[in-house]
Amino acid sequence: MRIGAKHFLAGLAVLVLGLPVWARTESSELDVDHSVTIAGKQLAPGDYELKVEDNGTQVTVTKYGDVVVQVPCHWIQLPNKADSTEVKSSDNQITEIDFKGKTEAVQLP
């Protein structure tokens, strides 16, 4: 009986340590041709990458690998899977990121 408990605990430890491997980071490239704002931070024209972990609470905006800004976000449910990855904006303010093939999107303040 003790051997079974040891195997169970070892298996449980492997599962717990492997959880970060299963967490997936969604990302999107963003080519800005005119100034836009994301949560109050203005992005100058250029190429950026937007990253957020599944069920994460922050979007990280990077340029050439350097973090430009981290923005709080929350996940919303889409009626259908997104056909493509799309960054949505209103009045030059980034408001939402839809990820191809997912029924969830990230909404920004």
N, C-alpha and C. Protein backbone atom coordinates (compact mmCIF):
# COMPACT_ATOMS: atom_id res chain seq x y z
N MET A 1 0.81 -1.19 0.00
CA MET A 1 0.00 0.00 0.00
C MET A 1 0.86 1.27 0.00
N ARG A 2 1.98 1.25 0.68
CA ARG A 2 2.86 2.42 0.72
C ARG A 2 3.45 2.71 -0.65
N ILE A 3 3.75 1.70 -1.42
CA ILE A 3 4.31 1.90 -2.75
C ILE A 3 3.29 2.63 -3.62
N GLY A 4 2.02 2.30 -3.52
CA GLY A 4 0.98 2.97 -4.28
C GLY A 4 0.90 4.44 -3.94
N ALA A 5 1.02 4.78 -2.68
CA ALA A 5 0.96 6.18 -2.25
C ALA A 5 2.15 6.95 -2.80
N LYS A 6 3.32 6.33 -2.82
CA LYS A 6 4.51 7.00 -3.35
C LYS A 6 4.35 7.27 -4.84
N HIS A 7 3.81 6.28 -5.57
CA HIS A 7 3.60 6.47 -7.00
C HIS A 7 2.55 7.57 -7.26
N PHE A 8 1.52 7.58 -6.44
CA PHE A 8 0.49 8.60 -6.58
C PHE A 8 1.07 9.99 -6.36
N LEU A 9 1.85 10.16 -5.29
CA LEU A 9 2.45 11.46 -5.00
C LEU A 9 3.45 11.87 -6.08
N ALA A 10 4.21 10.92 -6.59
CA ALA A 10 5.16 11.23 -7.66
C ALA A 10 4.41 11.68 -8.92
N GLY A 11 3.34 10.98 -9.26
CA GLY A 11 2.54 11.36 -10.42
C GLY A 11 1.90 12.72 -10.25
N LEU A 12 1.41 12.99 -9.05
CA LEU A 12 0.81 14.29 -8.76
C LEU A 12 1.84 15.41 -8.89
N ALA A 13 3.05 15.15 -8.40
CA ALA A 13 4.12 16.15 -8.50
C ALA A 13 4.45 16.45 -9.96
N VAL A 14 4.49 15.43 -10.80
CA VAL A 14 4.77 15.63 -12.23
C VAL A 14 3.67 16.48 -12.86
N LEU A 15 2.42 16.20 -12.52
CA LEU A 15 1.31 17.00 -13.06
C LEU A 15 1.40 18.46 -12.64
N VAL A 16 1.65 18.69 -11.38
CA VAL A 16 1.72 20.07 -10.87
C VAL A 16 2.87 20.82 -11.51
N LEU A 17 4.03 20.18 -11.65
CA LEU A 17 5.18 20.84 -12.26
C LEU A 17 4.98 21.05 -13.75
N GLY A 18 4.16 20.22 -14.39
CA GLY A 18 3.93 20.34 -15.81
C GLY A 18 2.86 21.34 -16.19
N LEU A 19 2.10 21.86 -15.25
CA LEU A 19 1.02 22.80 -15.56
C LEU A 19 1.49 24.04 -16.32
N PRO A 20 2.61 24.66 -15.95
CA PRO A 20 3.05 25.83 -16.71
C PRO A 20 3.34 25.51 -18.17
N VAL A 21 3.71 24.28 -18.48
CA VAL A 21 3.97 23.89 -19.85
C VAL A 21 2.68 23.94 -20.66
N TRP A 22 1.55 23.60 -20.04
CA TRP A 22 0.27 23.58 -20.74
C TRP A 22 -0.31 24.97 -20.93
N ALA A 23 0.11 25.94 -20.13
CA ALA A 23 -0.39 27.30 -20.29
C ALA A 23 0.09 27.83 -21.63
N ARG A 24 -0.81 28.37 -22.40
CA ARG A 24 -0.47 28.83 -23.73
C ARG A 24 -0.51 30.34 -23.77
N THR A 25 0.44 30.92 -24.46
CA THR A 25 0.47 32.36 -24.65
C THR A 25 -0.05 32.68 -26.03
N GLU A 26 -1.07 33.52 -26.09
CA GLU A 26 -1.59 34.00 -27.37
C GLU A 26 -0.82 35.26 -27.72
N SER A 27 -0.53 35.43 -29.00
CA SER A 27 0.18 36.64 -29.40
C SER A 27 -0.34 37.12 -30.75
N SER A 28 -0.10 38.38 -31.00
CA SER A 28 -0.53 39.00 -32.25
C SER A 28 0.48 40.07 -32.60
N GLU A 29 0.80 40.13 -33.88
CA GLU A 29 1.66 41.21 -34.34
C GLU A 29 0.78 42.43 -34.61
N LEU A 30 1.31 43.58 -34.34
CA LEU A 30 0.58 44.83 -34.55
C LEU A 30 1.49 45.79 -35.30
N ASP A 31 1.09 46.13 -36.52
CA ASP A 31 1.83 47.09 -37.35
C ASP A 31 1.09 48.42 -37.26
N VAL A 32 1.66 49.36 -36.55
CA VAL A 32 1.02 50.65 -36.33
C VAL A 32 1.56 51.64 -37.37
N ASP A 33 0.66 52.17 -38.22
CA ASP A 33 1.09 53.14 -39.23
C ASP A 33 0.79 54.59 -38.82
N HIS A 34 0.03 54.74 -37.73
CA HIS A 34 -0.20 56.06 -37.14
C HIS A 34 -0.34 55.86 -35.63
N SER A 35 -0.18 56.90 -34.87
CA SER A 35 -0.22 56.78 -33.41
C SER A 35 -1.56 56.22 -32.95
N VAL A 36 -1.49 55.25 -32.02
CA VAL A 36 -2.69 54.70 -31.38
C VAL A 36 -2.44 54.66 -29.88
N THR A 37 -3.52 54.54 -29.14
CA THR A 37 -3.43 54.51 -27.68
C THR A 37 -3.91 53.16 -27.19
N ILE A 38 -3.22 52.64 -26.19
CA ILE A 38 -3.64 51.42 -25.52
C ILE A 38 -3.61 51.69 -24.03
N ALA A 39 -4.78 51.73 -23.41
CA ALA A 39 -4.93 52.00 -21.98
C ALA A 39 -4.18 53.25 -21.55
N GLY A 40 -4.31 54.32 -22.33
CA GLY A 40 -3.70 55.59 -21.96
C GLY A 40 -2.26 55.76 -22.41
N LYS A 41 -1.63 54.73 -22.92
CA LYS A 41 -0.24 54.81 -23.39
C LYS A 41 -0.24 54.93 -24.90
N GLN A 42 0.40 55.96 -25.42
CA GLN A 42 0.42 56.18 -26.87
C GLN A 42 1.55 55.36 -27.49
N LEU A 43 1.20 54.63 -28.56
CA LEU A 43 2.18 53.86 -29.31
C LEU A 43 2.50 54.61 -30.60
N ALA A 44 3.78 54.88 -30.82
CA ALA A 44 4.22 55.54 -32.04
C ALA A 44 4.18 54.53 -33.19
N PRO A 45 4.17 55.01 -34.43
CA PRO A 45 4.20 54.07 -35.55
C PRO A 45 5.37 53.10 -35.44
N GLY A 46 5.12 51.84 -35.82
CA GLY A 46 6.15 50.81 -35.75
C GLY A 46 5.53 49.44 -35.61
N ASP A 47 6.37 48.43 -35.44
CA ASP A 47 5.93 47.05 -35.30
C ASP A 47 5.98 46.64 -33.83
N TYR A 48 4.88 46.09 -33.35
CA TYR A 48 4.75 45.66 -31.96
C TYR A 48 4.25 44.23 -31.91
N GLU A 49 4.39 43.61 -30.76
CA GLU A 49 3.80 42.30 -30.52
C GLU A 49 2.97 42.39 -29.24
N LEU A 50 1.76 41.85 -29.31
CA LEU A 50 0.85 41.81 -28.17
C LEU A 50 0.80 40.38 -27.67
N LYS A 51 1.01 40.17 -26.38
CA LYS A 51 1.01 38.82 -25.81
C LYS A 51 0.13 38.78 -24.57
N VAL A 52 -0.60 37.66 -24.43
CA VAL A 52 -1.40 37.43 -23.23
C VAL A 52 -1.49 35.92 -23.02
N GLU A 53 -1.33 35.49 -21.77
CA GLU A 53 -1.47 34.07 -21.45
C GLU A 53 -2.94 33.72 -21.40
N ASP A 54 -3.26 32.45 -21.75
CA ASP A 54 -4.63 31.98 -21.62
C ASP A 54 -5.14 32.30 -20.22
N ASN A 55 -6.27 32.92 -20.14
CA ASN A 55 -6.89 33.33 -18.88
C ASN A 55 -6.03 34.32 -18.11
N GLY A 56 -5.06 34.94 -18.76
CA GLY A 56 -4.22 35.95 -18.12
C GLY A 56 -5.00 37.23 -17.91
N THR A 57 -4.47 38.10 -17.09
CA THR A 57 -5.15 39.35 -16.77
C THR A 57 -4.39 40.58 -17.27
N GLN A 58 -3.30 40.35 -18.05
CA GLN A 58 -2.53 41.47 -18.59
C GLN A 58 -2.09 41.17 -20.01
N VAL A 59 -2.16 42.18 -20.85
CA VAL A 59 -1.60 42.12 -22.19
C VAL A 59 -0.25 42.82 -22.12
N THR A 60 0.77 42.18 -22.66
CA THR A 60 2.10 42.77 -22.71
C THR A 60 2.38 43.22 -24.13
N VAL A 61 2.75 44.48 -24.28
CA VAL A 61 3.08 45.05 -25.58
C VAL A 61 4.60 45.17 -25.63
N THR A 62 5.20 44.54 -26.65
CA THR A 62 6.66 44.61 -26.79
C THR A 62 7.03 45.18 -28.16
N LYS A 63 8.21 45.76 -28.21
CA LYS A 63 8.78 46.26 -29.46
C LYS A 63 10.25 45.87 -29.45
N TYR A 64 10.65 45.10 -30.45
CA TYR A 64 12.02 44.57 -30.53
C TYR A 64 12.41 43.81 -29.26
N GLY A 65 11.44 43.12 -28.68
CA GLY A 65 11.69 42.30 -27.49
C GLY A 65 11.64 43.06 -26.17
N ASP A 66 11.55 44.37 -26.23
CA ASP A 66 11.49 45.18 -25.01
C ASP A 66 10.03 45.47 -24.66
N VAL A 67 9.70 45.36 -23.37
CA VAL A 67 8.33 45.64 -22.92
C VAL A 67 8.08 47.14 -23.00
N VAL A 68 7.03 47.50 -23.73
CA VAL A 68 6.64 48.90 -23.86
C VAL A 68 5.62 49.25 -22.78
N VAL A 69 4.64 48.37 -22.60
CA VAL A 69 3.60 48.60 -21.60
C VAL A 69 2.90 47.27 -21.29
N GLN A 70 2.41 47.15 -20.07
CA GLN A 70 1.56 46.03 -19.68
C GLN A 70 0.20 46.62 -19.33
N VAL A 71 -0.85 46.04 -19.92
CA VAL A 71 -2.18 46.59 -19.81
C VAL A 71 -3.11 45.56 -19.18
N PRO A 72 -3.90 45.95 -18.17
CA PRO A 72 -4.87 45.01 -17.63
C PRO A 72 -5.92 44.68 -18.68
N CYS A 73 -6.42 43.46 -18.63
CA CYS A 73 -7.43 43.03 -19.60
C CYS A 73 -8.37 42.03 -18.95
N HIS A 74 -9.45 41.74 -19.65
CA HIS A 74 -10.32 40.64 -19.23
C HIS A 74 -10.82 39.93 -20.48
N TRP A 75 -11.15 38.65 -20.30
CA TRP A 75 -11.58 37.80 -21.41
C TRP A 75 -13.09 37.91 -21.58
N ILE A 76 -13.50 37.94 -22.84
CA ILE A 76 -14.92 37.92 -23.17
C ILE A 76 -15.20 36.74 -24.10
N GLN A 77 -16.44 36.33 -24.14
CA GLN A 77 -16.86 35.21 -24.98
C GLN A 77 -17.36 35.77 -26.32
N LEU A 78 -16.88 35.20 -27.42
CA LEU A 78 -17.35 35.58 -28.75
C LEU A 78 -18.47 34.64 -29.17
N PRO A 79 -19.38 35.09 -30.03
CA PRO A 79 -20.47 34.20 -30.48
C PRO A 79 -19.97 33.05 -31.34
N ASN A 80 -18.87 33.27 -32.07
CA ASN A 80 -18.28 32.24 -32.94
C ASN A 80 -16.76 32.32 -32.84
N LYS A 81 -16.09 31.26 -33.34
CA LYS A 81 -14.63 31.30 -33.40
C LYS A 81 -14.20 32.41 -34.35
N ALA A 82 -13.14 33.10 -33.98
CA ALA A 82 -12.61 34.17 -34.83
C ALA A 82 -11.96 33.56 -36.06
N ASP A 83 -12.27 34.11 -37.24
CA ASP A 83 -11.69 33.62 -38.49
C ASP A 83 -10.22 33.99 -38.62
N SER A 84 -9.84 35.08 -37.99
CA SER A 84 -8.45 35.53 -38.06
C SER A 84 -8.13 36.32 -36.79
N THR A 85 -6.86 36.51 -36.55
CA THR A 85 -6.46 37.34 -35.41
C THR A 85 -6.67 38.79 -35.83
N GLU A 86 -7.35 39.53 -34.96
CA GLU A 86 -7.72 40.90 -35.29
C GLU A 86 -7.58 41.79 -34.07
N VAL A 87 -6.94 42.93 -34.25
CA VAL A 87 -6.84 43.95 -33.21
C VAL A 87 -7.87 45.02 -33.54
N LYS A 88 -8.84 45.21 -32.66
CA LYS A 88 -9.92 46.16 -32.91
C LYS A 88 -9.64 47.46 -32.16
N SER A 89 -10.04 48.56 -32.79
CA SER A 89 -9.85 49.86 -32.15
C SER A 89 -11.04 50.76 -32.44
N SER A 90 -11.15 51.78 -31.62
CA SER A 90 -12.18 52.80 -31.78
C SER A 90 -11.55 54.14 -31.43
N ASP A 91 -11.65 55.11 -32.33
CA ASP A 91 -11.06 56.44 -32.13
C ASP A 91 -9.58 56.34 -31.77
N ASN A 92 -8.83 55.51 -32.52
CA ASN A 92 -7.38 55.31 -32.33
C ASN A 92 -7.04 54.75 -30.95
N GLN A 93 -7.99 54.07 -30.32
CA GLN A 93 -7.80 53.43 -29.01
C GLN A 93 -8.00 51.93 -29.21
N ILE A 94 -7.00 51.10 -28.90
CA ILE A 94 -7.14 49.65 -29.02
C ILE A 94 -8.09 49.17 -27.93
N THR A 95 -9.12 48.43 -28.33
CA THR A 95 -10.16 48.02 -27.39
C THR A 95 -10.30 46.51 -27.23
N GLU A 96 -9.87 45.73 -28.25
CA GLU A 96 -10.11 44.29 -28.20
C GLU A 96 -9.12 43.56 -29.10
N ILE A 97 -8.77 42.34 -28.70
CA ILE A 97 -7.93 41.47 -29.53
C ILE A 97 -8.63 40.13 -29.65
N ASP A 98 -8.97 39.75 -30.89
CA ASP A 98 -9.55 38.45 -31.18
C ASP A 98 -8.45 37.55 -31.73
N PHE A 99 -8.42 36.29 -31.29
CA PHE A 99 -7.39 35.37 -31.72
C PHE A 99 -7.98 34.30 -32.63
N LYS A 100 -7.33 34.06 -33.75
CA LYS A 100 -7.81 33.10 -34.75
C LYS A 100 -8.11 31.75 -34.11
N GLY A 101 -9.31 31.22 -34.41
CA GLY A 101 -9.70 29.91 -33.96
C GLY A 101 -10.18 29.83 -32.53
N LYS A 102 -10.27 30.96 -31.84
CA LYS A 102 -10.69 30.96 -30.44
C LYS A 102 -12.07 31.62 -30.29
N THR A 103 -12.80 31.16 -29.32
CA THR A 103 -14.11 31.75 -29.04
C THR A 103 -14.02 32.78 -27.92
N GLU A 104 -12.81 33.02 -27.42
CA GLU A 104 -12.59 34.05 -26.40
C GLU A 104 -11.73 35.15 -27.00
N ALA A 105 -11.95 36.36 -26.53
CA ALA A 105 -11.15 37.51 -26.96
C ALA A 105 -10.76 38.31 -25.72
N VAL A 106 -9.75 39.14 -25.88
CA VAL A 106 -9.29 39.99 -24.79
C VAL A 106 -9.86 41.38 -25.00
N GLN A 107 -10.48 41.91 -23.95
CA GLN A 107 -11.02 43.26 -24.00
C GLN A 107 -10.15 44.15 -23.10
N LEU A 108 -9.84 45.33 -23.61
CA LEU A 108 -8.98 46.27 -22.88
C LEU A 108 -9.80 47.45 -22.38
N PRO A 109 -9.34 48.07 -21.27
CA PRO A 109 -10.10 49.21 -20.72
C PRO A 109 -10.05 50.43 -21.62
